[in-house]
């Protein structure tokens, strides 16, 4: 991958973050669950998008596709120094955003610095796809839940218990 030293360092840190999220202390692959947690916490973490974009960028892992292949605006961003390069508005026409990610993209766009953050997140994903094209195949679309469905309350309770269990608490109900 070519790019500025800044982007190369950021890309390496992004890959390390994804690798950290991938497995738990026992070596079990927990990437999907941890990405779901990041996505659920996205709105609360938005104030950090300027100061620590690597905390939020993994929430958008698998969110972007670039059907044209090479995207000059992304490559220009990857070659730029911090704070320079194209914004999301220049990249968006070449990107397809997964349906599950559209609300996260909208949230980010309503924040100061959101366009720069989305451009950076897309560039990180673009670079990751070019260096490891099939490493995370199938992560693009989390399970779809229809709002107002009969099982929505039960799903929310199960998700809540799953979260608490990961924090070390005992489950109230058996799995």
Protein backbone atom coordinates (compact mmCIF):
# COMPACT_ATOMS: atom_id res chain seq x y z
CA UNK A 1 0.00 0.00 0.00
CA UNK A 2 1.28 3.45 -0.83
CA UNK A 3 0.45 6.51 1.19
CA UNK A 4 1.86 9.20 3.38
CA UNK A 5 3.79 8.12 6.48
CA UNK A 6 0.86 9.49 8.52
CA UNK A 7 -1.67 7.32 6.68
CA UNK A 8 0.59 4.27 6.77
CA UNK A 9 0.89 4.62 10.56
CA UNK A 10 -2.85 5.18 10.92
CA UNK A 11 -3.63 2.21 8.68
CA UNK A 12 -1.31 -0.04 10.70
CA UNK A 13 -2.99 1.14 13.92
CA UNK A 14 -6.43 0.46 12.38
CA UNK A 15 -5.40 -3.06 11.41
CA UNK A 16 -4.04 -3.61 14.93
CA UNK A 17 -7.35 -2.38 16.39
CA UNK A 18 -9.29 -4.82 14.19
CA UNK A 19 -6.91 -7.62 15.16
CA UNK A 20 -7.45 -6.77 18.85
CA UNK A 21 -11.21 -6.90 18.34
CA UNK A 22 -11.01 -10.19 16.45
CA UNK A 23 -10.31 -12.61 19.31
CA UNK A 24 -10.86 -12.80 23.03
CA UNK A 25 -8.32 -13.96 25.61
CA UNK A 26 -9.18 -17.59 24.84
CA UNK A 27 -8.59 -17.19 21.10
CA UNK A 28 -12.29 -17.32 20.18
CA UNK A 29 -13.29 -15.22 17.16
CA UNK A 30 -15.53 -12.49 18.61
CA UNK A 31 -15.13 -9.83 15.90
CA UNK A 32 -18.81 -9.76 14.90
CA UNK A 33 -19.97 -9.29 18.49
CA UNK A 34 -17.39 -6.61 19.23
CA UNK A 35 -18.21 -4.73 16.04
CA UNK A 36 -21.89 -4.87 17.00
CA UNK A 37 -20.95 -3.34 20.36
CA UNK A 38 -18.97 -0.57 18.62
CA UNK A 39 -21.91 0.14 16.35
CA UNK A 40 -24.30 0.30 19.30
CA UNK A 41 -21.97 2.76 21.06
CA UNK A 42 -21.29 4.87 17.95
CA UNK A 43 -23.58 7.78 18.82
CA UNK A 44 -22.14 8.07 22.33
CA UNK A 45 -18.58 8.10 20.99
CA UNK A 46 -19.18 10.74 18.29
CA UNK A 47 -17.56 13.54 20.34
CA UNK A 48 -14.26 11.66 19.87
CA UNK A 49 -14.34 11.54 16.09
CA UNK A 50 -11.90 14.47 15.74
CA UNK A 51 -9.53 13.49 18.52
CA UNK A 52 -9.52 9.69 18.27
CA UNK A 53 -11.01 8.46 15.01
CA UNK A 54 -9.60 4.97 15.57
CA UNK A 55 -12.10 4.44 18.38
CA UNK A 56 -15.00 4.99 15.98
CA UNK A 57 -13.68 3.77 12.62
CA UNK A 58 -14.03 0.04 13.44
CA UNK A 59 -17.80 0.58 13.79
CA UNK A 60 -17.77 1.16 10.02
CA UNK A 61 -15.70 -1.94 9.25
CA UNK A 62 -17.29 -3.57 6.20
CA UNK A 63 -19.55 -0.56 5.59
CA UNK A 64 -18.07 0.62 2.30
CA UNK A 65 -17.73 -0.97 -1.12
CA UNK A 66 -15.97 0.62 -4.07
CA UNK A 67 -17.38 -1.05 -7.20
CA UNK A 68 -15.24 1.01 -9.57
CA UNK A 69 -12.14 -0.55 -7.97
CA UNK A 70 -9.57 2.23 -7.89
CA UNK A 71 -10.83 5.47 -6.30
CA UNK A 72 -8.56 8.45 -7.02
CA UNK A 73 -10.10 10.60 -4.24
CA UNK A 74 -9.27 7.90 -1.66
CA UNK A 75 -5.77 7.50 -3.00
CA UNK A 76 -5.29 11.27 -2.77
CA UNK A 77 -6.46 11.18 0.87
CA UNK A 78 -4.09 8.31 1.63
CA UNK A 79 -1.19 10.36 0.22
CA UNK A 80 -2.14 13.54 2.11
CA UNK A 81 -0.87 14.89 5.38
CA UNK A 82 -3.22 15.10 8.41
CA UNK A 83 -6.10 17.49 7.87
CA UNK A 84 -5.53 17.65 4.12
CA UNK A 85 -7.08 15.74 1.26
CA UNK A 86 -10.62 15.20 0.04
CA UNK A 87 -13.64 15.01 2.32
CA UNK A 88 -16.50 12.50 2.30
CA UNK A 89 -18.44 14.56 -0.27
CA UNK A 90 -15.67 13.87 -2.82
CA UNK A 91 -15.50 10.15 -1.97
CA UNK A 92 -19.22 9.36 -1.54
CA UNK A 93 -20.02 9.20 -5.29
CA UNK A 94 -17.55 6.30 -5.69
CA UNK A 95 -18.68 4.46 -2.54
CA UNK A 96 -21.58 2.20 -1.80
CA UNK A 97 -22.63 2.34 1.85
CA UNK A 98 -24.13 -0.84 3.32
CA UNK A 99 -27.73 -0.38 4.43
CA UNK A 100 -26.91 -1.11 8.09
CA UNK A 101 -24.23 1.60 8.03
CA UNK A 102 -26.34 4.41 6.55
CA UNK A 103 -27.66 5.58 9.96
CA UNK A 104 -24.09 5.69 11.32
CA UNK A 105 -22.93 7.70 8.31
CA UNK A 106 -25.83 10.11 8.80
CA UNK A 107 -24.95 10.54 12.49
CA UNK A 108 -21.34 11.31 11.62
CA UNK A 109 -22.32 13.80 8.91
CA UNK A 110 -24.24 15.84 11.48
CA UNK A 111 -21.11 16.32 13.58
CA UNK A 112 -18.38 18.91 13.05
CA UNK A 113 -15.54 17.03 11.40
CA UNK A 114 -17.88 14.26 10.27
CA UNK A 115 -16.99 14.61 6.58
CA UNK A 116 -13.28 14.31 7.34
CA UNK A 117 -13.89 11.34 9.66
CA UNK A 118 -16.00 9.46 7.09
CA UNK A 119 -13.39 10.07 4.40
CA UNK A 120 -10.71 8.72 6.72
CA UNK A 121 -12.82 5.69 7.73
CA UNK A 122 -13.51 4.93 4.06
CA UNK A 123 -9.81 5.28 3.23
CA UNK A 124 -8.88 2.90 6.06
CA UNK A 125 -11.40 0.36 4.78
CA UNK A 126 -10.22 0.87 1.19
CA UNK A 127 -6.62 0.25 2.23
CA UNK A 128 -7.60 -2.75 4.35
CA UNK A 129 -9.54 -4.28 1.46
CA UNK A 130 -6.55 -3.85 -0.82
CA UNK A 131 -4.14 -5.51 1.60
CA UNK A 132 -6.49 -8.21 2.97
CA UNK A 133 -9.36 -8.49 0.47
CA UNK A 134 -11.13 -11.52 1.91
CA UNK A 135 -10.07 -11.49 5.55
CA UNK A 136 -13.49 -10.43 6.81
CA UNK A 137 -15.81 -11.75 4.13
CA UNK A 138 -19.40 -11.84 5.26
CA UNK A 139 -19.09 -9.11 7.89
CA UNK A 140 -20.81 -6.49 5.79
CA UNK A 141 -24.39 -7.14 6.83
CA UNK A 142 -25.29 -7.74 10.47
CA UNK A 143 -28.58 -9.54 11.12
CA UNK A 144 -31.60 -7.47 10.20
CA UNK A 145 -34.34 -6.98 12.79
CA UNK A 146 -37.63 -5.55 11.74
CA UNK A 147 -38.69 -2.70 14.07
CA UNK A 148 -41.77 -3.50 16.07
CA UNK A 149 -41.45 -7.22 15.52
CA UNK A 150 -42.84 -9.63 18.12
CA UNK A 151 -39.38 -10.71 19.17
CA UNK A 152 -37.85 -7.21 19.39
CA UNK A 153 -38.26 -6.94 23.17
CA UNK A 154 -36.79 -10.41 23.69
CA UNK A 155 -33.90 -9.59 21.34
CA UNK A 156 -33.15 -6.38 23.23
CA UNK A 157 -33.16 -8.24 26.53
CA UNK A 158 -30.89 -10.95 25.14
CA UNK A 159 -28.49 -8.35 23.74
CA UNK A 160 -28.45 -6.59 27.10
CA UNK A 161 -27.71 -9.81 28.94
CA UNK A 162 -25.02 -10.70 26.40
CA UNK A 163 -23.37 -7.34 27.03
CA UNK A 164 -23.50 -7.72 30.81
CA UNK A 165 -22.13 -11.26 30.57
CA UNK A 166 -19.15 -9.96 28.57
CA UNK A 167 -18.56 -7.49 31.40
CA UNK A 168 -18.31 -10.37 33.88
CA UNK A 169 -21.85 -10.45 35.29
CA UNK A 170 -23.97 -13.60 35.57
CA UNK A 171 -26.94 -14.00 33.23
CA UNK A 172 -30.42 -13.58 34.70
CA UNK A 173 -31.90 -16.06 32.25
CA UNK A 174 -30.30 -19.16 30.72
CA UNK A 175 -29.22 -18.99 27.08
